[in-house]
Amino acid sequence: MKKSISILLAMLLALSLFAGCGSTSSGETETSGSAAAGTETGSDTAATTADVKVGFIFLHDENSTYDKNFIDAAVEACDTLGVEYVLRTNIPEGQECYNAAAELVDDGCDIVFADSFGHEDYMIQAAKEFPDVEFCHATGTRAHTEGLSNYHNAFASIYEGRYLAGVAAGMKLNEMIETGEITEDEAKIGYVGAFTYAEVISGYTSFFLGARSVCPSATMEVTFTGSWYDETAEKEGANKLIQNGCKLISQHADSMGAPTACETAGVPNVSYNGSTISACPNTFIISSRINWAPYFEYMIGCVISGEEIAADWTGTIESGSVVLTDVNEAVAAAGTTEALEEVRAALLDGSLHVFDTSTFTVDGETLAGYQADVDTDADYTADTQAISDGYFHESEYRSAPYFDIQIDGITLLDQAF
């Protein structure tokens, strides 16, 4: 088990092997699988890892683009490293999460991972009860302050991916202006968000800044659904934005509601967590997503090698954790692929920062400083100076986003959630 992680990470991606899928009384589903160990890679043979088992907890199932993104990465990583895994889907953000985690421990899992923000309290509860098992959680905020050696958070600098997708959106708006389809002052983007969390605010703001970097007249309207996954509400939100005159729609919500509304209305769309080109060939432009396979390989590798998992891990473009789908050339503006490569290179070399304070204002003023809520407590106290060197340092002091600033040019249609 304590073999070199460098050898393990060199394994070829094995074919996914799902074994057995059953339903529980609560409507949850469980899938188990194991990848072939000892697969040859050139002249090397990987070590057997049959004694490592990983349990995954997902808020929804593969019908949610958000959860499907995690599920695909989990299977890929476990197959790559040759470890056994168990997938638990449709686990709510409540005591059911703790129950699922405890059951996975009883099932012999060495690592338990959960994918939704609301799972965090229950993952921490399980981590305290089972100190010999590693608990890893996506989008959470408390690992760096809880002080538990077996509880860990992870996220990625997806705001950079959203910025890139925003550039593609801005170029499409420019094309529509140039062809006379819209005027400059009609370059309005609509955005369907789930909740008014910092994660969502950071996402739609970075997307907007990417669009406005190439289309200076762009504005944005944001509506919220109050749910991560509600196809009806997301479709209604997109339709409301279209009726309000929005010429392009994006989202931070997990169903196909908004993309299919755009396809029906013939409105260009930038989706999230994966391509929607098969269902929306006439409107889909591009999508950004977090590739979770690098983190899953990292956390599993740490357990195999006996190394400590970082309390707070942030994936990047460079690590392969922030990715874009292929551009739909049939819908995107000409030159989009080439432009995105240039912007990506600037993000990588540090010559471009998404939240450069010279590119936006708040109530007409440029921000010289901003106290962000990084060490989250019960009162959400602002505790960390996040602006320095001319930009807001998102996901550097904690992996989960903490950019929660409402900038000029973006209008919120509702803030009930």
Protein backbone atom coordinates (compact mmCIF):
# COMPACT_ATOMS: atom_id res chain seq x y z
CA MET A 1 0.00 0.00 0.00
CA LYS A 2 2.90 2.34 0.70
CA LYS A 3 4.22 2.31 -2.86
CA SER A 4 5.43 5.32 -4.79
CA ILE A 5 2.58 7.57 -5.88
CA SER A 6 4.51 8.55 -8.98
CA ILE A 7 4.21 4.99 -10.25
CA LEU A 8 0.53 4.85 -9.44
CA LEU A 9 -0.26 8.09 -11.23
CA ALA A 10 1.35 6.71 -14.38
CA MET A 11 -1.28 3.98 -14.78
CA LEU A 12 -3.36 3.92 -17.93
CA LEU A 13 -7.02 4.79 -17.60
CA ALA A 14 -8.83 1.47 -17.20
CA LEU A 15 -12.35 0.87 -18.46
CA SER A 16 -15.07 1.75 -15.95
CA LEU A 17 -16.39 -1.33 -14.22
CA PHE A 18 -19.67 -0.84 -12.42
CA ALA A 19 -20.90 -3.80 -10.36
CA GLY A 20 -24.36 -3.90 -8.86
CA CYS A 21 -26.73 -0.97 -8.49
CA GLY A 22 -29.44 -1.10 -5.85
CA SER A 23 -31.98 1.30 -4.38
CA THR A 24 -32.37 2.02 -0.69
CA SER A 25 -35.62 2.78 1.08
CA SER A 26 -34.95 6.55 0.91
CA GLY A 27 -34.55 6.59 -2.86
CA GLU A 28 -30.76 6.73 -2.64
CA THR A 29 -28.71 4.64 -5.02
CA GLU A 30 -25.42 2.86 -4.49
CA THR A 31 -22.95 1.74 -7.11
CA SER A 32 -19.77 -0.20 -6.45
CA GLY A 33 -16.82 -0.87 -8.67
CA SER A 34 -13.19 -1.78 -8.79
CA ALA A 35 -10.51 -1.27 -11.40
CA ALA A 36 -7.92 -3.81 -12.40
CA ALA A 37 -4.81 -3.52 -10.26
CA GLY A 38 -1.32 -4.31 -11.52
CA THR A 39 -1.91 -2.83 -14.99
CA GLU A 40 1.26 -2.56 -17.01
CA THR A 41 2.49 0.87 -18.11
CA GLY A 42 5.36 0.43 -20.53
CA SER A 43 7.99 -1.57 -18.65
CA ASP A 44 6.53 -0.70 -15.23
CA THR A 45 3.87 -2.59 -13.33
CA ALA A 46 1.71 -0.68 -10.87
CA ALA A 47 1.40 -1.87 -7.29
CA THR A 48 -1.69 -3.70 -6.11
CA THR A 49 -4.07 -1.33 -4.32
CA ALA A 50 -6.89 -3.77 -3.57
CA ASP A 51 -6.81 -2.81 0.10
CA VAL A 52 -7.81 0.82 -0.62
CA LYS A 53 -11.50 1.67 -0.83
CA VAL A 54 -13.12 5.05 -1.48
CA GLY A 55 -16.69 6.07 -0.73
CA PHE A 56 -18.35 8.95 -2.58
CA ILE A 57 -21.45 10.88 -1.50
CA PHE A 58 -23.31 12.88 -4.15
CA LEU A 59 -26.20 15.29 -3.65
CA HIS A 60 -28.01 14.12 -6.79
CA ASP A 61 -27.34 11.56 -9.51
CA GLU A 62 -26.19 11.69 -13.14
CA ASN A 63 -29.26 13.69 -14.15
CA SER A 64 -27.60 16.67 -12.46
CA THR A 65 -24.76 18.11 -14.55
CA TYR A 66 -23.00 19.10 -11.32
CA ASP A 67 -23.08 15.62 -9.81
CA LYS A 68 -22.39 13.85 -13.11
CA ASN A 69 -19.19 15.88 -13.36
CA PHE A 70 -18.09 14.50 -9.97
CA ILE A 71 -19.29 10.96 -10.70
CA ASP A 72 -17.37 10.75 -13.97
CA ALA A 73 -14.19 12.05 -12.29
CA ALA A 74 -14.56 9.64 -9.37
CA VAL A 75 -14.81 6.61 -11.65
CA GLU A 76 -11.94 7.87 -13.80
CA ALA A 77 -9.61 8.45 -10.84
CA CYS A 78 -10.42 5.16 -9.13
CA ASP A 79 -9.97 3.22 -12.34
CA THR A 80 -6.69 5.02 -13.04
CA LEU A 81 -5.29 4.13 -9.62
CA GLY A 82 -6.86 0.69 -9.42
CA VAL A 83 -8.83 1.15 -6.21
CA GLU A 84 -12.24 -0.07 -5.13
CA TYR A 85 -15.02 2.49 -4.83
CA VAL A 86 -18.63 2.93 -3.75
CA LEU A 87 -20.88 5.68 -5.15
CA ARG A 88 -23.84 6.88 -3.08
CA THR A 89 -26.18 9.21 -4.97
CA ASN A 90 -29.20 11.34 -4.02
CA ILE A 91 -27.90 12.06 -0.50
CA PRO A 92 -29.58 15.22 0.89
CA GLU A 93 -27.80 17.98 2.78
CA GLY A 94 -28.99 16.68 6.14
CA GLN A 95 -28.49 13.87 8.63
CA GLU A 96 -28.72 11.49 5.68
CA CYS A 97 -25.20 12.59 4.77
CA TYR A 98 -23.81 11.56 8.15
CA ASN A 99 -25.67 8.25 7.91
CA ALA A 100 -24.25 7.61 4.46
CA ALA A 101 -20.73 8.48 5.63
CA ALA A 102 -21.02 6.14 8.64
CA GLU A 103 -22.31 3.34 6.42
CA LEU A 104 -19.39 3.82 4.03
CA VAL A 105 -16.97 3.57 6.96
CA ASP A 106 -18.71 0.37 8.09
CA ASP A 107 -18.32 -0.86 4.51
CA GLY A 108 -14.54 -0.54 4.84
CA CYS A 109 -13.88 2.76 3.06
CA ASP A 110 -10.54 4.41 3.85
CA ILE A 111 -11.66 7.73 2.33
CA VAL A 112 -15.13 9.30 2.22
CA PHE A 113 -15.81 12.23 -0.10
CA ALA A 114 -18.93 14.44 -0.33
CA ASP A 115 -19.69 16.91 -3.11
CA SER A 116 -22.13 19.54 -1.83
CA PHE A 117 -21.74 22.61 0.38
CA GLY A 118 -24.56 21.58 2.74
CA HIS A 119 -22.90 18.23 3.46
CA GLU A 120 -20.12 19.88 5.46
CA ASP A 121 -21.58 19.80 9.00
CA TYR A 122 -22.32 16.10 8.67
CA MET A 123 -18.93 15.26 7.19
CA ILE A 124 -17.26 17.03 10.12
CA GLN A 125 -19.49 15.06 12.52
CA ALA A 126 -18.36 11.82 10.86
CA ALA A 127 -14.71 12.88 10.83
CA LYS A 128 -14.81 13.42 14.59
CA GLU A 129 -16.39 10.01 15.17
CA PHE A 130 -14.09 8.06 12.82
CA PRO A 131 -10.57 9.52 13.24
CA ASP A 132 -8.89 6.70 11.30
CA VAL A 133 -10.79 7.50 8.09
CA GLU A 134 -10.04 10.47 5.80
CA PHE A 135 -13.01 12.73 5.01
CA CYS A 136 -12.74 15.04 2.00
CA HIS A 137 -15.35 17.60 0.99
CA ALA A 138 -15.84 19.85 -2.04
CA THR A 139 -16.82 23.54 -1.73
CA GLY A 140 -16.60 23.59 2.07
CA THR A 141 -15.01 26.33 4.15
CA ARG A 142 -14.10 24.95 7.57
CA ALA A 143 -11.25 22.46 7.20
CA HIS A 144 -8.55 25.09 7.69
CA THR A 145 -10.15 26.26 10.94
CA GLU A 146 -11.57 23.01 12.41
CA GLY A 147 -8.12 21.57 13.13
CA LEU A 148 -9.09 17.97 12.34
CA SER A 149 -6.23 16.00 10.82
CA ASN A 150 -8.67 13.77 8.91
CA TYR A 151 -11.01 16.42 7.46
CA HIS A 152 -10.15 18.27 4.25
CA ASN A 153 -11.73 20.78 1.82
CA ALA A 154 -11.09 21.14 -1.90
CA PHE A 155 -12.16 23.45 -4.68
CA ALA A 156 -10.67 24.97 -7.83
CA SER A 157 -10.09 28.39 -9.36
CA ILE A 158 -13.18 27.92 -11.54
CA TYR A 159 -13.63 31.69 -11.63
CA GLU A 160 -10.82 31.64 -14.21
CA GLY A 161 -12.74 29.13 -16.31
CA ARG A 162 -15.88 31.24 -16.04
CA TYR A 163 -13.89 34.32 -17.08
CA LEU A 164 -12.72 32.47 -20.19
CA ALA A 165 -16.29 31.38 -20.95
CA GLY A 166 -17.31 35.01 -20.48
CA VAL A 167 -14.81 36.07 -23.13
CA ALA A 168 -16.51 33.67 -25.55
CA ALA A 169 -19.87 35.20 -24.58
CA GLY A 170 -18.59 38.73 -25.10
CA MET A 171 -17.28 37.84 -28.53
CA LYS A 172 -20.70 36.44 -29.46
CA LEU A 173 -22.34 39.69 -28.33
CA ASN A 174 -19.85 41.64 -30.47
CA GLU A 175 -20.73 39.50 -33.47
CA MET A 176 -24.44 40.16 -32.90
CA ILE A 177 -23.71 43.91 -32.72
CA GLU A 178 -21.58 43.84 -35.87
CA THR A 179 -24.26 42.01 -37.86
CA GLY A 180 -26.95 44.43 -36.71
CA GLU A 181 -28.88 41.79 -34.75
CA ILE A 182 -28.61 43.95 -31.62
CA THR A 183 -27.27 47.40 -30.75
CA GLU A 184 -24.45 48.06 -28.31
CA ASP A 185 -26.84 49.10 -25.57
CA GLU A 186 -28.80 45.87 -26.03
CA ALA A 187 -25.80 43.68 -25.15
CA LYS A 188 -27.44 42.33 -22.01
CA ILE A 189 -26.55 38.96 -20.50
CA GLY A 190 -28.93 36.91 -18.37
CA TYR A 191 -27.65 34.61 -15.64
CA VAL A 192 -29.55 31.92 -13.74
CA GLY A 193 -28.04 31.44 -10.29
CA ALA A 194 -28.93 29.02 -7.50
CA PHE A 195 -28.28 30.95 -4.28
CA THR A 196 -26.71 34.26 -3.28
CA TYR A 197 -23.64 32.44 -1.94
CA ALA A 198 -20.14 33.77 -2.54
CA GLU A 199 -19.51 30.82 -4.86
CA VAL A 200 -22.34 31.95 -7.14
CA ILE A 201 -21.46 35.65 -6.87
CA SER A 202 -17.82 34.92 -7.71
CA GLY A 203 -18.97 32.83 -10.68
CA TYR A 204 -21.34 35.28 -12.31
CA THR A 205 -19.03 38.23 -11.64
CA SER A 206 -16.02 36.55 -13.23
CA PHE A 207 -18.17 35.53 -16.20
CA PHE A 208 -19.38 39.11 -16.59
CA LEU A 209 -15.87 40.54 -16.35
CA GLY A 210 -14.72 38.14 -19.07
CA ALA A 211 -17.57 39.23 -21.33
CA ARG A 212 -17.02 42.92 -20.66
CA SER A 213 -13.29 42.61 -21.33
CA VAL A 214 -14.16 42.24 -25.02
CA CYS A 215 -17.64 43.83 -25.11
CA PRO A 216 -17.45 46.99 -22.94
CA SER A 217 -21.16 47.80 -23.31
CA ALA A 218 -22.25 44.47 -21.80
CA THR A 219 -24.54 44.44 -18.78
CA MET A 220 -26.01 41.55 -16.82
CA GLU A 221 -29.22 40.57 -15.02
CA VAL A 222 -29.16 37.73 -12.49
CA THR A 223 -32.10 35.73 -11.19
CA PHE A 224 -31.97 33.08 -8.46
CA THR A 225 -33.88 29.81 -8.12
CA GLY A 226 -33.21 28.95 -4.46
CA SER A 227 -32.14 25.44 -5.47
CA TRP A 228 -29.07 23.81 -6.97
CA TYR A 229 -31.25 21.57 -9.11
CA ASP A 230 -34.75 22.57 -10.17
CA GLU A 231 -35.33 22.17 -13.90
CA THR A 232 -38.67 23.98 -13.87
CA ALA A 233 -37.36 26.98 -11.90
CA GLU A 234 -34.21 27.19 -14.02
CA LYS A 235 -36.21 27.12 -17.25
CA GLU A 236 -38.60 29.75 -15.90
CA GLY A 237 -35.65 31.88 -14.81
CA ALA A 238 -34.08 31.72 -18.25
CA ASN A 239 -37.38 32.56 -19.94
CA LYS A 240 -37.88 35.53 -17.61
CA LEU A 241 -34.43 36.84 -18.52
CA ILE A 242 -35.10 36.36 -22.23
CA GLN A 243 -38.39 38.23 -21.90
CA ASN A 244 -36.45 41.02 -20.15
CA GLY A 245 -34.34 41.45 -23.27
CA CYS A 246 -31.28 39.35 -22.39
CA LYS A 247 -29.53 38.29 -25.58
CA LEU A 248 -27.34 35.54 -24.12
CA ILE A 249 -27.86 33.29 -21.09
CA SER A 250 -25.48 31.53 -18.70
CA GLN A 251 -26.02 29.78 -15.41
CA HIS A 252 -24.80 28.46 -12.09
CA ALA A 253 -27.45 25.78 -11.63
CA ASP A 254 -27.37 22.10 -12.38
CA SER A 255 -30.18 21.07 -14.72
CA MET A 256 -30.84 21.42 -18.43
CA GLY A 257 -33.65 23.89 -17.74
CA ALA A 258 -31.85 27.04 -18.87
CA PRO A 259 -30.07 25.53 -21.90
CA THR A 260 -33.26 23.97 -23.27
CA ALA A 261 -35.14 27.25 -22.77
CA CYS A 262 -32.42 28.95 -24.82
CA GLU A 263 -32.59 26.34 -27.56
CA THR A 264 -36.35 26.79 -27.82
CA ALA A 265 -36.02 30.59 -27.94
CA GLY A 266 -32.96 30.61 -30.21
CA VAL A 267 -30.86 32.51 -27.66
CA PRO A 268 -27.10 31.78 -27.37
CA ASN A 269 -26.16 29.91 -24.22
CA VAL A 270 -23.04 29.27 -22.14
CA SER A 271 -23.65 26.28 -19.89
CA TYR A 272 -21.77 24.94 -16.87
CA ASN A 273 -20.24 21.57 -15.94
CA GLY A 274 -20.26 20.13 -19.44
CA SER A 275 -21.27 20.50 -23.05
CA THR A 276 -24.96 20.69 -23.95
CA ILE A 277 -24.30 20.60 -27.68
CA SER A 278 -26.22 17.35 -28.23
CA ALA A 279 -29.44 18.84 -26.83
CA CYS A 280 -28.77 22.43 -27.87
CA PRO A 281 -26.78 22.37 -31.12
CA ASN A 282 -28.09 25.73 -32.34
CA THR A 283 -27.42 27.79 -29.20
CA PHE A 284 -24.64 26.18 -27.13
CA ILE A 285 -21.32 28.10 -27.29
CA ILE A 286 -19.02 26.68 -24.59
CA SER A 287 -18.97 25.46 -20.99
CA SER A 288 -16.47 25.66 -18.15
CA ARG A 289 -16.17 23.01 -15.48
CA ILE A 290 -14.00 21.73 -12.67
CA ASN A 291 -12.20 18.50 -13.52
CA TRP A 292 -12.17 16.67 -10.19
CA ALA A 293 -10.02 13.75 -11.34
CA PRO A 294 -6.72 15.46 -10.37
CA TYR A 295 -7.95 16.00 -6.80
CA PHE A 296 -9.34 12.50 -6.47
CA GLU A 297 -6.05 11.04 -7.67
CA TYR A 298 -4.22 13.32 -5.22
CA MET A 299 -6.31 12.38 -2.16
CA ILE A 300 -6.20 8.67 -2.95
CA GLY A 301 -2.48 8.87 -3.65
CA CYS A 302 -1.86 10.47 -0.28
CA VAL A 303 -3.61 7.62 1.49
CA ILE A 304 -1.68 5.05 -0.52
CA SER A 305 1.67 6.70 0.21
CA GLY A 306 0.91 7.63 3.80
CA GLU A 307 1.23 11.34 3.10
CA GLU A 308 -0.99 13.98 4.70
CA ILE A 309 -3.84 15.35 2.61
CA ALA A 310 -3.84 19.16 2.48
CA ALA A 311 -6.50 20.71 4.69
CA ASP A 312 -7.45 23.13 1.93
CA TRP A 313 -6.60 22.25 -1.70
CA THR A 314 -7.15 24.50 -4.72
CA GLY A 315 -6.99 23.11 -8.24
CA THR A 316 -5.96 25.41 -11.10
CA ILE A 317 -5.81 25.65 -14.86
CA GLU A 318 -2.21 24.45 -14.64
CA SER A 319 -3.14 21.36 -12.62
CA GLY A 320 -5.81 20.46 -15.17
CA SER A 321 -8.58 21.13 -12.67
CA VAL A 322 -10.15 24.08 -14.55
CA VAL A 323 -11.16 23.19 -18.09
CA LEU A 324 -13.37 24.29 -20.97
CA THR A 325 -15.34 22.18 -23.39
CA ASP A 326 -14.66 22.47 -27.09
CA VAL A 327 -16.08 25.60 -28.67
CA ASN A 328 -19.20 25.02 -30.76
CA GLU A 329 -17.88 26.63 -33.92
CA ALA A 330 -21.36 26.60 -35.48
CA VAL A 331 -22.60 29.11 -32.89
CA ALA A 332 -19.55 30.86 -31.43
CA ALA A 333 -18.09 33.99 -33.00
CA ALA A 334 -15.24 33.52 -35.44
CA GLY A 335 -11.84 33.48 -33.76
CA THR A 336 -13.17 32.45 -30.35
CA THR A 337 -10.86 29.44 -29.92
CA GLU A 338 -7.76 31.47 -30.73
CA ALA A 339 -8.80 34.33 -28.44
CA LEU A 340 -9.37 31.94 -25.54
CA GLU A 341 -5.89 30.47 -25.94
CA GLU A 342 -4.40 33.96 -25.63
CA VAL A 343 -6.42 34.78 -22.52
CA ARG A 344 -5.63 31.40 -20.99
CA ALA A 345 -1.92 32.02 -21.50
CA ALA A 346 -2.20 35.41 -19.76
CA LEU A 347 -3.95 33.81 -16.79
CA LEU A 348 -1.25 31.17 -16.57
CA ASP A 349 1.68 33.59 -16.68
CA GLY A 350 0.07 35.97 -14.17
CA SER A 351 -0.16 38.95 -16.52
CA LEU A 352 -3.97 38.84 -16.21
CA HIS A 353 -6.00 38.66 -12.99
CA VAL A 354 -9.73 38.02 -13.18
CA PHE A 355 -10.66 40.42 -10.38
CA ASP A 356 -8.34 43.25 -11.37
CA THR A 357 -9.82 46.22 -9.50
CA SER A 358 -9.11 48.56 -12.41
CA THR A 359 -11.71 46.67 -14.47
CA PHE A 360 -14.76 47.20 -12.23
CA THR A 361 -16.32 49.64 -9.80
CA VAL A 362 -18.67 49.43 -6.84
CA ASP A 363 -21.12 52.32 -6.54
CA GLY A 364 -18.95 54.19 -9.01
CA GLU A 365 -15.76 53.78 -6.99
CA THR A 366 -12.67 51.64 -7.47
CA LEU A 367 -12.01 49.39 -4.48
CA ALA A 368 -8.69 49.99 -2.73
CA GLY A 369 -9.31 47.24 -0.19
CA TYR A 370 -11.90 44.71 0.90
CA GLN A 371 -12.28 42.61 4.05
CA ALA A 372 -13.50 39.17 3.00
CA ASP A 373 -15.08 36.42 5.07
CA VAL A 374 -12.42 33.72 4.79
CA ASP A 375 -12.39 32.10 8.25
CA THR A 376 -16.13 31.52 8.27
CA ASP A 377 -17.80 31.74 11.67
CA ALA A 378 -21.42 31.79 12.81
CA ASP A 379 -21.63 35.56 12.23
CA TYR A 380 -19.86 35.50 8.83
CA THR A 381 -17.32 37.99 10.09
CA ALA A 382 -15.15 39.74 7.48
CA ASP A 383 -11.64 38.86 8.58
CA THR A 384 -9.14 38.93 5.71
CA GLN A 385 -7.87 41.74 3.49
CA ALA A 386 -8.42 40.19 0.06
CA ILE A 387 -7.30 43.05 -2.21
CA SER A 388 -3.62 43.70 -2.74
CA ASP A 389 -1.33 44.32 -5.71
CA GLY A 390 -4.34 45.72 -7.58
CA TYR A 391 -6.61 42.66 -7.55
CA PHE A 392 -8.89 40.55 -5.38
CA HIS A 393 -7.09 37.34 -4.41
CA GLU A 394 -9.86 34.80 -4.87
CA SER A 395 -9.31 31.20 -3.66
CA GLU A 396 -5.80 31.95 -2.39
CA TYR A 397 -6.54 32.24 1.34
CA ARG A 398 -9.09 29.40 1.22
CA SER A 399 -10.06 27.07 -1.60
CA ALA A 400 -13.80 27.84 -1.56
CA PRO A 401 -14.73 31.21 -3.13
CA TYR A 402 -15.21 34.25 -0.89
CA PHE A 403 -15.69 37.01 -3.50
CA ASP A 404 -19.10 38.38 -2.51
CA ILE A 405 -18.97 41.92 -3.93
CA GLN A 406 -21.83 43.34 -5.99
CA ILE A 407 -20.17 45.31 -8.79
CA ASP A 408 -21.60 47.93 -11.12
CA GLY A 409 -23.15 46.68 -14.36
CA ILE A 410 -24.87 43.69 -12.74
CA THR A 411 -28.52 43.88 -11.65
CA LEU A 412 -30.01 41.33 -9.24
CA LEU A 413 -33.66 40.65 -9.99
CA ASP A 414 -34.29 38.89 -6.67
CA GLN A 415 -32.28 38.22 -3.53
CA ALA A 416 -34.60 35.99 -1.53
CA PHE A 417 -32.17 33.09 -1.28
